[in-house]
Structures are given as C-alpha cells and as structure tokens.
C-alpha cells in the first residue's frame, strides 16, 4: 500500500537537490527538509501527503539537524519530529535536543 507519511534521516540532500528529484509525484506531497549544507551526509526529511492538514513547526535556532511538523486532526494536534544525531556530535547535543523538545511541548501542550 502507498504511504501517507515518509520520514527519513541521513538524506544527504542539499539546496541543489529539488523536491521534485526526491518524489516523482512531489506535487502530491508537503515536503519539510533540514539539509546539511556544511559537509556531506546528514539531513532529515518529513513528507506528508497534501490531503493531510499539516504545517511546519518553527524550532529554536541550533546546530541540530531536526525538523518537526504539526498534523491537525479534528480532535488533536500531533507533532512529528525527526532528528539526525551524527556519530561525532559533541556533548551538548542532548542538552540542545532537550531544549528543542521542551520548546515544542510548551507551544503545543
């Protein structure tokens, strides 16, 4: 069966790769990306079929490769998030990620 939501990590995408190159039917998808621009690898992507109401969740400015999307249902709001943790990340990664998650929880209780 076809997917309605696709979540990817370590996409290796950058600004030179257009959404239409990722999904051949890209017009049917809302695509949210956080590409790594400074070096190879990394990156995250959330793709949601356009028939599902959703919007990008603006996150705290940090150096973590993370994207979050809010899905609206008649009775709930659902937050989907994807994060890539590189093997060489520093000790502040967990602190920064925790801050982002607390911020999301505060704004979307």
PDB file of N, CA and C in Angstrom:
ATOM      1  N   UNK A   1       0.842  -1.195   0.000  1.00  0.00           N
ATOM      2  CA  UNK A   1       0.000   0.000   0.000  1.00  0.00           C
ATOM      3  C   UNK A   1       0.878   1.247   0.000  1.00  0.00           C
ATOM      4  N   UNK A   2       0.343   2.320  -0.470  1.00  0.00           N
ATOM      5  CA  UNK A   2       1.093   3.573  -0.568  1.00  0.00           C
ATOM      6  C   UNK A   2       1.202   4.241   0.797  1.00  0.00           C
ATOM      7  N   UNK A   3       2.266   4.974   0.982  1.00  0.00           N
ATOM      8  CA  UNK A   3       2.496   5.689   2.243  1.00  0.00           C
ATOM      9  C   UNK A   3       1.833   7.059   2.210  1.00  0.00           C
ATOM     10  N   UNK A   4       1.394   7.520   3.374  1.00  0.00           N
ATOM     11  CA  UNK A   4       0.873   8.876   3.522  1.00  0.00           C
ATOM     12  C   UNK A   4       1.891   9.787   4.187  1.00  0.00           C
ATOM     13  N   UNK A   5       2.799   9.195   4.959  1.00  0.00           N
ATOM     14  CA  UNK A   5       3.845   9.946   5.655  1.00  0.00           C
ATOM     15  C   UNK A   5       5.162   9.201   5.473  1.00  0.00           C
ATOM     16  N   UNK A   6       6.204   9.944   5.122  1.00  0.00           N
ATOM     17  CA  UNK A   6       7.542   9.377   4.974  1.00  0.00           C
ATOM     18  C   UNK A   6       8.492  10.213   5.819  1.00  0.00           C
ATOM     19  N   UNK A   7       9.295   9.564   6.656  1.00  0.00           N
ATOM     20  CA  UNK A   7      10.275  10.251   7.494  1.00  0.00           C
ATOM     21  C   UNK A   7      11.635   9.625   7.212  1.00  0.00           C
ATOM     22  N   UNK A   8      12.614  10.469   6.872  1.00  0.00           N
ATOM     23  CA  UNK A   8      13.941   9.984   6.506  1.00  0.00           C
ATOM     24  C   UNK A   8      15.024  10.679   7.315  1.00  0.00           C
ATOM     25  N   UNK A   9      16.075   9.946   7.626  1.00  0.00           N
ATOM     26  CA  UNK A   9      17.274  10.536   8.221  1.00  0.00           C
ATOM     27  C   UNK A   9      18.457  10.251   7.313  1.00  0.00           C
ATOM     28  N   UNK A  10      19.504  10.995   7.533  1.00  0.00           N
ATOM     29  CA  UNK A  10      20.724  10.893   6.739  1.00  0.00           C
ATOM     30  C   UNK A  10      20.387  10.904   5.241  1.00  0.00           C
ATOM     31  N   UNK A  11      19.693  11.967   4.845  1.00  0.00           N
ATOM     32  CA  UNK A  11      19.213  12.093   3.466  1.00  0.00           C
ATOM     33  C   UNK A  11      20.315  12.456   2.480  1.00  0.00           C
ATOM     34  N   UNK A  12      21.356  13.101   2.938  1.00  0.00           N
ATOM     35  CA  UNK A  12      22.450  13.584   2.093  1.00  0.00           C
ATOM     36  C   UNK A  12      21.963  14.641   1.105  1.00  0.00           C
ATOM     37  N   UNK A  13      20.835  15.281   1.390  1.00  0.00           N
ATOM     38  CA  UNK A  13      20.312  16.308   0.485  1.00  0.00           C
ATOM     39  C   UNK A  13      20.970  17.649   0.766  1.00  0.00           C
ATOM     40  N   UNK A  14      20.958  18.520  -0.238  1.00  0.00           N
ATOM     41  CA  UNK A  14      21.399  19.905  -0.073  1.00  0.00           C
ATOM     42  C   UNK A  14      20.548  20.777  -0.977  1.00  0.00           C
ATOM     43  N   UNK A  15      20.780  22.075  -0.945  1.00  0.00           N
ATOM     44  CA  UNK A  15      19.919  23.010  -1.672  1.00  0.00           C
ATOM     45  C   UNK A  15      19.956  22.820  -3.187  1.00  0.00           C
ATOM     46  N   UNK A  16      20.938  22.112  -3.705  1.00  0.00           N
ATOM     47  CA  UNK A  16      20.992  21.883  -5.154  1.00  0.00           C
ATOM     48  C   UNK A  16      20.049  20.756  -5.597  1.00  0.00           C
ATOM     49  N   UNK A  17      19.486  20.026  -4.650  1.00  0.00           N
ATOM     50  CA  UNK A  17      18.562  18.933  -4.962  1.00  0.00           C
ATOM     51  C   UNK A  17      17.143  19.420  -4.695  1.00  0.00           C
ATOM     52  N   UNK A  18      16.335  19.445  -5.727  1.00  0.00           N
ATOM     53  CA  UNK A  18      14.961  19.946  -5.625  1.00  0.00           C
ATOM     54  C   UNK A  18      14.015  18.845  -5.147  1.00  0.00           C
ATOM     55  N   UNK A  19      12.917  19.272  -4.522  1.00  0.00           N
ATOM     56  CA  UNK A  19      11.929  18.313  -4.035  1.00  0.00           C
ATOM     57  C   UNK A  19      11.447  17.384  -5.147  1.00  0.00           C
ATOM     58  N   UNK A  20      11.341  17.897  -6.360  1.00  0.00           N
ATOM     59  CA  UNK A  20      10.866  17.087  -7.488  1.00  0.00           C
ATOM     60  C   UNK A  20      11.824  15.944  -7.822  1.00  0.00           C
ATOM     61  N   UNK A  21      13.060  16.040  -7.368  1.00  0.00           N
ATOM     62  CA  UNK A  21      14.028  14.965  -7.590  1.00  0.00           C
ATOM     63  C   UNK A  21      13.916  13.871  -6.523  1.00  0.00           C
ATOM     64  N   UNK A  22      13.222  14.164  -5.443  1.00  0.00           N
ATOM     65  CA  UNK A  22      13.090  13.213  -4.340  1.00  0.00           C
ATOM     66  C   UNK A  22      11.859  12.334  -4.544  1.00  0.00           C
ATOM     67  N   UNK A  23      10.725  12.977  -4.831  1.00  0.00           N
ATOM     68  CA  UNK A  23       9.464  12.279  -5.069  1.00  0.00           C
ATOM     69  C   UNK A  23       9.007  12.610  -6.479  1.00  0.00           C
ATOM     70  N   UNK A  24       8.809  11.587  -7.301  1.00  0.00           N
ATOM     71  CA  UNK A  24       8.395  11.858  -8.679  1.00  0.00           C
ATOM     72  C   UNK A  24       7.017  12.514  -8.711  1.00  0.00           C
ATOM     73  N   UNK A  25       6.183  12.235  -7.724  1.00  0.00           N
ATOM     74  CA  UNK A  25       4.874  12.892  -7.643  1.00  0.00           C
ATOM     75  C   UNK A  25       4.909  13.957  -6.549  1.00  0.00           C
ATOM     76  N   UNK A  26       5.946  14.793  -6.573  1.00  0.00           N
ATOM     77  CA  UNK A  26       6.161  15.764  -5.489  1.00  0.00           C
ATOM     78  C   UNK A  26       4.994  16.725  -5.311  1.00  0.00           C
ATOM     79  N   UNK A  27       4.179  16.929  -6.340  1.00  0.00           N
ATOM     80  CA  UNK A  27       3.040  17.841  -6.219  1.00  0.00           C
ATOM     81  C   UNK A  27       1.999  17.309  -5.243  1.00  0.00           C
ATOM     82  N   UNK A  28       2.044  16.017  -4.944  1.00  0.00           N
ATOM     83  CA  UNK A  28       1.094  15.399  -4.013  1.00  0.00           C
ATOM     84  C   UNK A  28       1.571  15.437  -2.566  1.00  0.00           C
ATOM     85  N   UNK A  29       2.763  15.984  -2.332  1.00  0.00           N
ATOM     86  CA  UNK A  29       3.387  15.927  -1.010  1.00  0.00           C
ATOM     87  C   UNK A  29       3.744  17.313  -0.486  1.00  0.00           C
ATOM     88  N   UNK A  30       3.600  17.486   0.817  1.00  0.00           N
ATOM     89  CA  UNK A  30       4.235  18.599   1.532  1.00  0.00           C
ATOM     90  C   UNK A  30       5.562  18.049   2.029  1.00  0.00           C
ATOM     91  N   UNK A  31       6.646  18.705   1.642  1.00  0.00           N
ATOM     92  CA  UNK A  31       7.975  18.210   1.997  1.00  0.00           C
ATOM     93  C   UNK A  31       8.665  19.218   2.906  1.00  0.00           C
ATOM     94  N   UNK A  32       9.117  18.737   4.054  1.00  0.00           N
ATOM     95  CA  UNK A  32       9.807  19.555   5.053  1.00  0.00           C
ATOM     96  C   UNK A  32      11.203  18.969   5.213  1.00  0.00           C
ATOM     97  N   UNK A  33      12.214  19.801   4.972  1.00  0.00           N
ATOM     98  CA  UNK A  33      13.600  19.313   4.981  1.00  0.00           C
ATOM     99  C   UNK A  33      14.476  20.182   5.863  1.00  0.00           C
ATOM    100  N   UNK A  34      15.465  19.538   6.437  1.00  0.00           N
ATOM    101  CA  UNK A  34      16.572  20.249   7.074  1.00  0.00           C
ATOM    102  C   UNK A  34      17.828  19.617   6.490  1.00  0.00           C
ATOM    103  N   UNK A  35      18.371  20.285   5.491  1.00  0.00           N
ATOM    104  CA  UNK A  35      19.546  19.767   4.793  1.00  0.00           C
ATOM    105  C   UNK A  35      20.819  20.199   5.499  1.00  0.00           C
ATOM    106  N   UNK A  36      21.830  19.383   5.372  1.00  0.00           N
ATOM    107  CA  UNK A  36      23.157  19.749   5.864  1.00  0.00           C
ATOM    108  C   UNK A  36      23.871  20.472   4.733  1.00  0.00           C
ATOM    109  N   UNK A  37      24.308  21.676   4.995  1.00  0.00           N
ATOM    110  CA  UNK A  37      24.950  22.477   3.951  1.00  0.00           C
ATOM    111  C   UNK A  37      26.465  22.542   4.093  1.00  0.00           C
ATOM    112  N   UNK A  38      26.981  22.258   5.272  1.00  0.00           N
ATOM    113  CA  UNK A  38      28.408  22.484   5.514  1.00  0.00           C
ATOM    114  C   UNK A  38      29.297  21.307   5.147  1.00  0.00           C
ATOM    115  N   UNK A  39      28.737  20.104   5.087  1.00  0.00           N
ATOM    116  CA  UNK A  39      29.542  18.937   4.727  1.00  0.00           C
ATOM    117  C   UNK A  39      28.628  17.829   4.233  1.00  0.00           C
ATOM    118  N   UNK A  40      29.213  16.741   3.775  1.00  0.00           N
ATOM    119  CA  UNK A  40      28.449  15.620   3.233  1.00  0.00           C
ATOM    120  C   UNK A  40      27.674  14.879   4.305  1.00  0.00           C
ATOM    121  N   UNK A  41      26.605  14.209   3.877  1.00  0.00           N
ATOM    122  CA  UNK A  41      25.854  13.345   4.773  1.00  0.00           C
ATOM    123  C   UNK A  41      24.784  14.084   5.541  1.00  0.00           C
ATOM    124  N   UNK A  42      24.248  13.407   6.539  1.00  0.00           N
ATOM    125  CA  UNK A  42      23.262  14.002   7.428  1.00  0.00           C
ATOM    126  C   UNK A  42      21.989  14.424   6.722  1.00  0.00           C
ATOM    127  N   UNK A  43      21.234  15.265   7.397  1.00  0.00           N
ATOM    128  CA  UNK A  43      19.991  15.790   6.854  1.00  0.00           C
ATOM    129  C   UNK A  43      18.791  14.940   7.235  1.00  0.00           C
ATOM    130  N   UNK A  44      17.633  15.610   7.325  1.00  0.00           N
ATOM    131  CA  UNK A  44      16.387  14.925   7.653  1.00  0.00           C
ATOM    132  C   UNK A  44      15.271  15.436   6.748  1.00  0.00           C
ATOM    133  N   UNK A  45      14.217  14.635   6.629  1.00  0.00           N
ATOM    134  CA  UNK A  45      13.095  14.983   5.764  1.00  0.00           C
ATOM    135  C   UNK A  45      11.822  14.371   6.322  1.00  0.00           C
ATOM    136  N   UNK A  46      10.746  15.156   6.265  1.00  0.00           N
ATOM    137  CA  UNK A  46       9.404  14.654   6.547  1.00  0.00           C
ATOM    138  C   UNK A  46       8.564  14.988   5.321  1.00  0.00           C
ATOM    139  N   UNK A  47       7.895  13.998   4.760  1.00  0.00           N
ATOM    140  CA  UNK A  47       6.999  14.204   3.621  1.00  0.00           C
ATOM    141  C   UNK A  47       5.614  13.712   4.018  1.00  0.00           C
ATOM    142  N   UNK A  48       4.610  14.569   3.803  1.00  0.00           N
ATOM    143  CA  UNK A  48       3.242  14.252   4.197  1.00  0.00           C
ATOM    144  C   UNK A  48       2.333  14.518   3.003  1.00  0.00           C
ATOM    145  N   UNK A  49       1.467  13.566   2.706  1.00  0.00           N
ATOM    146  CA  UNK A  49       0.533  13.740   1.594  1.00  0.00           C
ATOM    147  C   UNK A  49      -0.274  15.020   1.805  1.00  0.00           C
ATOM    148  N   UNK A  50      -0.536  15.723   0.721  1.00  0.00           N
ATOM    149  CA  UNK A  50      -1.207  17.025   0.800  1.00  0.00           C
ATOM    150  C   UNK A  50      -2.636  16.941   1.314  1.00  0.00           C
ATOM    151  N   UNK A  51      -3.241  15.764   1.301  1.00  0.00           N
ATOM    152  CA  UNK A  51      -4.600  15.649   1.829  1.00  0.00           C
ATOM    153  C   UNK A  51      -4.632  15.607   3.359  1.00  0.00           C
ATOM    154  N   UNK A  52      -3.470  15.604   4.003  1.00  0.00           N
ATOM    155  CA  UNK A  52      -3.378  15.620   5.466  1.00  0.00           C
ATOM    156  C   UNK A  52      -3.006  17.035   5.897  1.00  0.00           C
ATOM    157  N   UNK A  53      -3.885  17.718   6.646  1.00  0.00           N
ATOM    158  CA  UNK A  53      -3.564  19.085   7.082  1.00  0.00           C
ATOM    159  C   UNK A  53      -2.330  19.091   7.994  1.00  0.00           C
ATOM    160  N   UNK A  54      -1.359  19.942   7.663  1.00  0.00           N
ATOM    161  CA  UNK A  54      -0.132  19.998   8.455  1.00  0.00           C
ATOM    162  C   UNK A  54       0.565  21.332   8.235  1.00  0.00           C
ATOM    163  N   UNK A  55       1.467  21.650   9.154  1.00  0.00           N
ATOM    164  CA  UNK A  55       2.300  22.837   8.984  1.00  0.00           C
ATOM    165  C   UNK A  55       3.643  22.620   9.667  1.00  0.00           C
ATOM    166  N   UNK A  56       4.622  23.368   9.182  1.00  0.00           N
ATOM    167  CA  UNK A  56       5.983  23.313   9.703  1.00  0.00           C
ATOM    168  C   UNK A  56       6.018  23.914  11.101  1.00  0.00           C
ATOM    169  N   UNK A  57       6.682  23.253  12.027  1.00  0.00           N
ATOM    170  CA  UNK A  57       6.872  23.779  13.378  1.00  0.00           C
ATOM    171  C   UNK A  57       8.234  24.467  13.402  1.00  0.00           C
ATOM    172  N   UNK A  58       8.227  25.756  13.605  1.00  0.00           N
ATOM    173  CA  UNK A  58       9.483  26.515  13.685  1.00  0.00           C
ATOM    174  C   UNK A  58      10.187  26.146  14.979  1.00  0.00           C
ATOM    175  N   UNK A  59      11.459  25.812  14.856  1.00  0.00           N
ATOM    176  CA  UNK A  59      12.222  25.331  16.003  1.00  0.00           C
ATOM    177  C   UNK A  59      13.253  26.352  16.445  1.00  0.00           C
ATOM    178  N   UNK A  60      13.705  26.192  17.679  1.00  0.00           N
ATOM    179  CA  UNK A  60      14.780  27.032  18.189  1.00  0.00           C
ATOM    180  C   UNK A  60      15.979  26.942  17.260  1.00  0.00           C
ATOM    181  N   UNK A  61      16.664  28.040  17.094  1.00  0.00           N
ATOM    182  CA  UNK A  61      17.846  28.056  16.235  1.00  0.00           C
ATOM    183  C   UNK A  61      18.986  27.331  16.943  1.00  0.00           C
ATOM    184  N   UNK A  62      19.442  26.261  16.336  1.00  0.00           N
ATOM    185  CA  UNK A  62      20.550  25.500  16.905  1.00  0.00           C
ATOM    186  C   UNK A  62      21.243  24.752  15.778  1.00  0.00           C
ATOM    187  N   UNK A  63      22.261  24.048  16.113  1.00  0.00           N
ATOM    188  CA  UNK A  63      23.032  23.344  15.092  1.00  0.00           C
ATOM    189  C   UNK A  63      22.629  21.876  14.948  1.00  0.00           C
ATOM    190  N   UNK A  64      21.434  21.540  15.386  1.00  0.00           N
ATOM    191  CA  UNK A  64      20.943  20.164  15.284  1.00  0.00           C
ATOM    192  C   UNK A  64      20.139  20.009  13.996  1.00  0.00           C
ATOM    193  N   UNK A  65      20.337  18.886  13.332  1.00  0.00           N
ATOM    194  CA  UNK A  65      19.559  18.581  12.132  1.00  0.00           C
ATOM    195  C   UNK A  65      18.242  17.963  12.584  1.00  0.00           C
ATOM    196  N   UNK A  66      17.207  18.800  12.640  1.00  0.00           N
ATOM    197  CA  UNK A  66      15.903  18.372  13.143  1.00  0.00           C
ATOM    198  C   UNK A  66      14.813  19.112  12.380  1.00  0.00           C
ATOM    199  N   UNK A  67      13.720  18.425  12.126  1.00  0.00           N
ATOM    200  CA  UNK A  67      12.521  19.024  11.545  1.00  0.00           C
ATOM    201  C   UNK A  67      11.332  18.520  12.337  1.00  0.00           C
ATOM    202  N   UNK A  68      10.307  19.365  12.428  1.00  0.00           N
ATOM    203  CA  UNK A  68       9.078  18.972  13.109  1.00  0.00           C
ATOM    204  C   UNK A  68       7.890  19.524  12.339  1.00  0.00           C
ATOM    205  N   UNK A  69       6.812  18.758  12.359  1.00  0.00           N
ATOM    206  CA  UNK A  69       5.592  19.101  11.645  1.00  0.00           C
ATOM    207  C   UNK A  69       4.421  18.848  12.582  1.00  0.00           C
ATOM    208  N   UNK A  70       3.423  19.717  12.513  1.00  0.00           N
ATOM    209  CA  UNK A  70       2.200  19.530  13.287  1.00  0.00           C
ATOM    210  C   UNK A  70       1.103  19.048  12.344  1.00  0.00           C
ATOM    211  N   UNK A  71       0.507  17.910  12.670  1.00  0.00           N
ATOM    212  CA  UNK A  71      -0.641  17.389  11.928  1.00  0.00           C
ATOM    213  C   UNK A  71      -1.898  17.783  12.677  1.00  0.00           C
ATOM    214  N   UNK A  72      -2.875  18.300  11.968  1.00  0.00           N
ATOM    215  CA  UNK A  72      -4.133  18.702  12.594  1.00  0.00           C
ATOM    216  C   UNK A  72      -5.199  17.662  12.294  1.00  0.00           C
ATOM    217  N   UNK A  73      -5.774  17.120  13.352  1.00  0.00           N
ATOM    218  CA  UNK A  73      -6.908  16.217  13.207  1.00  0.00           C
ATOM    219  C   UNK A  73      -8.108  16.915  13.838  1.00  0.00           C
ATOM    220  N   UNK A  74      -9.307  16.426  13.617  1.00  0.00           N
ATOM    221  CA  UNK A  74     -10.473  17.087  14.221  1.00  0.00           C
ATOM    222  C   UNK A  74     -10.395  17.194  15.745  1.00  0.00           C
ATOM    223  N   UNK A  75      -9.728  16.252  16.385  1.00  0.00           N
ATOM    224  CA  UNK A  75      -9.703  16.267  17.850  1.00  0.00           C
ATOM    225  C   UNK A  75      -8.331  16.507  18.465  1.00  0.00           C
ATOM    226  N   UNK A  76      -7.268  16.460  17.677  1.00  0.00           N
ATOM    227  CA  UNK A  76      -5.917  16.558  18.235  1.00  0.00           C
ATOM    228  C   UNK A  76      -4.968  17.275  17.300  1.00  0.00           C
ATOM    229  N   UNK A  77      -3.850  17.670  17.891  1.00  0.00           N
ATOM    230  CA  UNK A  77      -2.691  18.085  17.117  1.00  0.00           C
ATOM    231  C   UNK A  77      -1.596  17.074  17.426  1.00  0.00           C
ATOM    232  N   UNK A  78      -0.973  16.572  16.388  1.00  0.00           N
ATOM    233  CA  UNK A  78       0.077  15.571  16.541  1.00  0.00           C
ATOM    234  C   UNK A  78       1.368  16.161  16.004  1.00  0.00           C
ATOM    235  N   UNK A  79       2.421  16.115  16.818  1.00  0.00           N
ATOM    236  CA  UNK A  79       3.726  16.605  16.386  1.00  0.00           C
ATOM    237  C   UNK A  79       4.575  15.411  15.957  1.00  0.00           C
ATOM    238  N   UNK A  80       5.067  15.480  14.729  1.00  0.00           N
ATOM    239  CA  UNK A  80       6.041  14.506  14.239  1.00  0.00           C
ATOM    240  C   UNK A  80       7.375  15.217  14.141  1.00  0.00           C
ATOM    241  N   UNK A  81       8.401  14.605  14.666  1.00  0.00           N
ATOM    242  CA  UNK A  81       9.737  15.201  14.586  1.00  0.00           C
ATOM    243  C   UNK A  81      10.735  14.132  14.173  1.00  0.00           C
ATOM    244  N   UNK A  82      11.756  14.575  13.468  1.00  0.00           N
ATOM    245  CA  UNK A  82      12.839  13.682  13.073  1.00  0.00           C
ATOM    246  C   UNK A  82      14.149  14.410  13.323  1.00  0.00           C
ATOM    247  N   UNK A  83      15.111  13.680  13.856  1.00  0.00           N
ATOM    248  CA  UNK A  83      16.401  14.271  14.204  1.00  0.00           C
ATOM    249  C   UNK A  83      17.508  13.327  13.762  1.00  0.00           C
ATOM    250  N   UNK A  84      18.582  13.901  13.262  1.00  0.00           N
ATOM    251  CA  UNK A  84      19.762  13.105  12.925  1.00  0.00           C
ATOM    252  C   UNK A  84      20.863  13.441  13.914  1.00  0.00           C
ATOM    253  N   UNK A  85      21.381  12.420  14.585  1.00  0.00           N
ATOM    254  CA  UNK A  85      22.486  12.592  15.528  1.00  0.00           C
ATOM    255  C   UNK A  85      23.746  12.029  14.885  1.00  0.00           C
ATOM    256  N   UNK A  86      24.646  12.908  14.459  1.00  0.00           N
ATOM    257  CA  UNK A  86      25.873  12.412  13.835  1.00  0.00           C
ATOM    258  C   UNK A  86      26.755  11.694  14.853  1.00  0.00           C
ATOM    259  N   UNK A  87      27.534  10.731  14.398  1.00  0.00           N
ATOM    260  CA  UNK A  87      28.377   9.978  15.327  1.00  0.00           C
ATOM    261  C   UNK A  87      29.426  10.834  16.023  1.00  0.00           C
ATOM    262  N   UNK A  88      29.792  11.955  15.424  1.00  0.00           N
ATOM    263  CA  UNK A  88      30.830  12.807  16.017  1.00  0.00           C
ATOM    264  C   UNK A  88      30.257  14.022  16.748  1.00  0.00           C
ATOM    265  N   UNK A  89      28.978  13.945  17.166  1.00  0.00           N
ATOM    266  CA  UNK A  89      28.378  15.113  17.821  1.00  0.00           C
ATOM    267  C   UNK A  89      29.020  15.353  19.190  1.00  0.00           C
ATOM    268  N   UNK A  90      28.927  16.601  19.637  1.00  0.00           N
ATOM    269  CA  UNK A  90      29.547  16.947  20.918  1.00  0.00           C
ATOM    270  C   UNK A  90      28.599  16.659  22.077  1.00  0.00           C
ATOM    271  N   UNK A  91      29.077  16.899  23.276  1.00  0.00           N
ATOM    272  CA  UNK A  91      28.314  16.578  24.483  1.00  0.00           C
ATOM    273  C   UNK A  91      27.097  17.478  24.674  1.00  0.00           C
ATOM    274  N   UNK A  92      27.009  18.581  23.948  1.00  0.00           N
ATOM    275  CA  UNK A  92      25.861  19.475  24.075  1.00  0.00           C
ATOM    276  C   UNK A  92      24.660  19.019  23.251  1.00  0.00           C
ATOM    277  N   UNK A  93      24.828  17.993  22.449  1.00  0.00           N
ATOM    278  CA  UNK A  93      23.736  17.536  21.590  1.00  0.00           C
ATOM    279  C   UNK A  93      22.479  17.239  22.404  1.00  0.00           C
ATOM    280  N   UNK A  94      22.601  16.442  23.457  1.00  0.00           N
ATOM    281  CA  UNK A  94      21.444  16.057  24.273  1.00  0.00           C
ATOM    282  C   UNK A  94      20.802  17.269  24.934  1.00  0.00           C
ATOM    283  N   UNK A  95      21.612  18.213  25.376  1.00  0.00           N
ATOM    284  CA  UNK A  95      21.092  19.433  26.007  1.00  0.00           C
ATOM    285  C   UNK A  95      20.307  20.248  24.984  1.00  0.00           C
ATOM    286  N   UNK A  96      20.877  20.431  23.793  1.00  0.00           N
ATOM    287  CA  UNK A  96      20.201  21.199  22.742  1.00  0.00           C
ATOM    288  C   UNK A  96      18.912  20.520  22.294  1.00  0.00           C
ATOM    289  N   UNK A  97      18.955  19.209  22.121  1.00  0.00           N
ATOM    290  CA  UNK A  97      17.756  18.477  21.716  1.00  0.00           C
ATOM    291  C   UNK A  97      16.678  18.584  22.783  1.00  0.00           C
ATOM    292  N   UNK A  98      17.059  18.461  24.032  1.00  0.00           N
ATOM    293  CA  UNK A  98      16.103  18.589  25.129  1.00  0.00           C
ATOM    294  C   UNK A  98      15.449  19.966  25.129  1.00  0.00           C
ATOM    295  N   UNK A  99      16.227  21.008  24.894  1.00  0.00           N
ATOM    296  CA  UNK A  99      15.681  22.371  24.843  1.00  0.00           C
ATOM    297  C   UNK A  99      14.656  22.514  23.727  1.00  0.00           C
ATOM    298  N   UNK A 100      14.951  21.932  22.586  1.00  0.00           N
ATOM    299  CA  UNK A 100      14.022  21.997  21.455  1.00  0.00           C
ATOM    300  C   UNK A 100      12.729  21.261  21.784  1.00  0.00           C
ATOM    301  N   UNK A 101      12.838  20.079  22.365  1.00  0.00           N
ATOM    302  CA  UNK A 101      11.645  19.299  22.693  1.00  0.00           C
ATOM    303  C   UNK A 101      10.799  19.981  23.760  1.00  0.00           C
ATOM    304  N   UNK A 102      11.432  20.598  24.746  1.00  0.00           N
ATOM    305  CA  UNK A 102      10.692  21.353  25.769  1.00  0.00           C
ATOM    306  C   UNK A 102       9.968  22.530  25.121  1.00  0.00           C
ATOM    307  N   UNK A 103      10.641  23.218  24.197  1.00  0.00           N
ATOM    308  CA  UNK A 103      10.015  24.337  23.489  1.00  0.00           C
ATOM    309  C   UNK A 103       8.789  23.871  22.703  1.00  0.00           C
ATOM    310  N   UNK A 104       8.908  22.753  22.005  1.00  0.00           N
ATOM    311  CA  UNK A 104       7.768  22.219  21.247  1.00  0.00           C
ATOM    312  C   UNK A 104       6.626  21.867  22.195  1.00  0.00           C
ATOM    313  N   UNK A 105       6.948  21.196  23.293  1.00  0.00           N
ATOM    314  CA  UNK A 105       5.909  20.794  24.251  1.00  0.00           C
ATOM    315  C   UNK A 105       5.213  22.008  24.860  1.00  0.00           C
ATOM    316  N   UNK A 106       5.961  23.078  25.089  1.00  0.00           N
ATOM    317  CA  UNK A 106       5.385  24.300  25.655  1.00  0.00           C
ATOM    318  C   UNK A 106       4.422  24.956  24.667  1.00  0.00           C
ATOM    319  N   UNK A 107       4.802  24.991  23.408  1.00  0.00           N
ATOM    320  CA  UNK A 107       3.972  25.649  22.398  1.00  0.00           C
ATOM    321  C   UNK A 107       2.804  24.793  21.921  1.00  0.00           C
ATOM    322  N   UNK A 108       2.917  23.482  22.065  1.00  0.00           N
ATOM    323  CA  UNK A 108       1.867  22.560  21.627  1.00  0.00           C
ATOM    324  C   UNK A 108       1.554  21.585  22.761  1.00  0.00           C
ATOM    325  N   UNK A 109       0.899  22.091  23.827  1.00  0.00           N
ATOM    326  CA  UNK A 109       0.649  21.242  25.010  1.00  0.00           C
ATOM    327  C   UNK A 109      -0.288  20.074  24.716  1.00  0.00           C
TER     328      UNK A 109
END
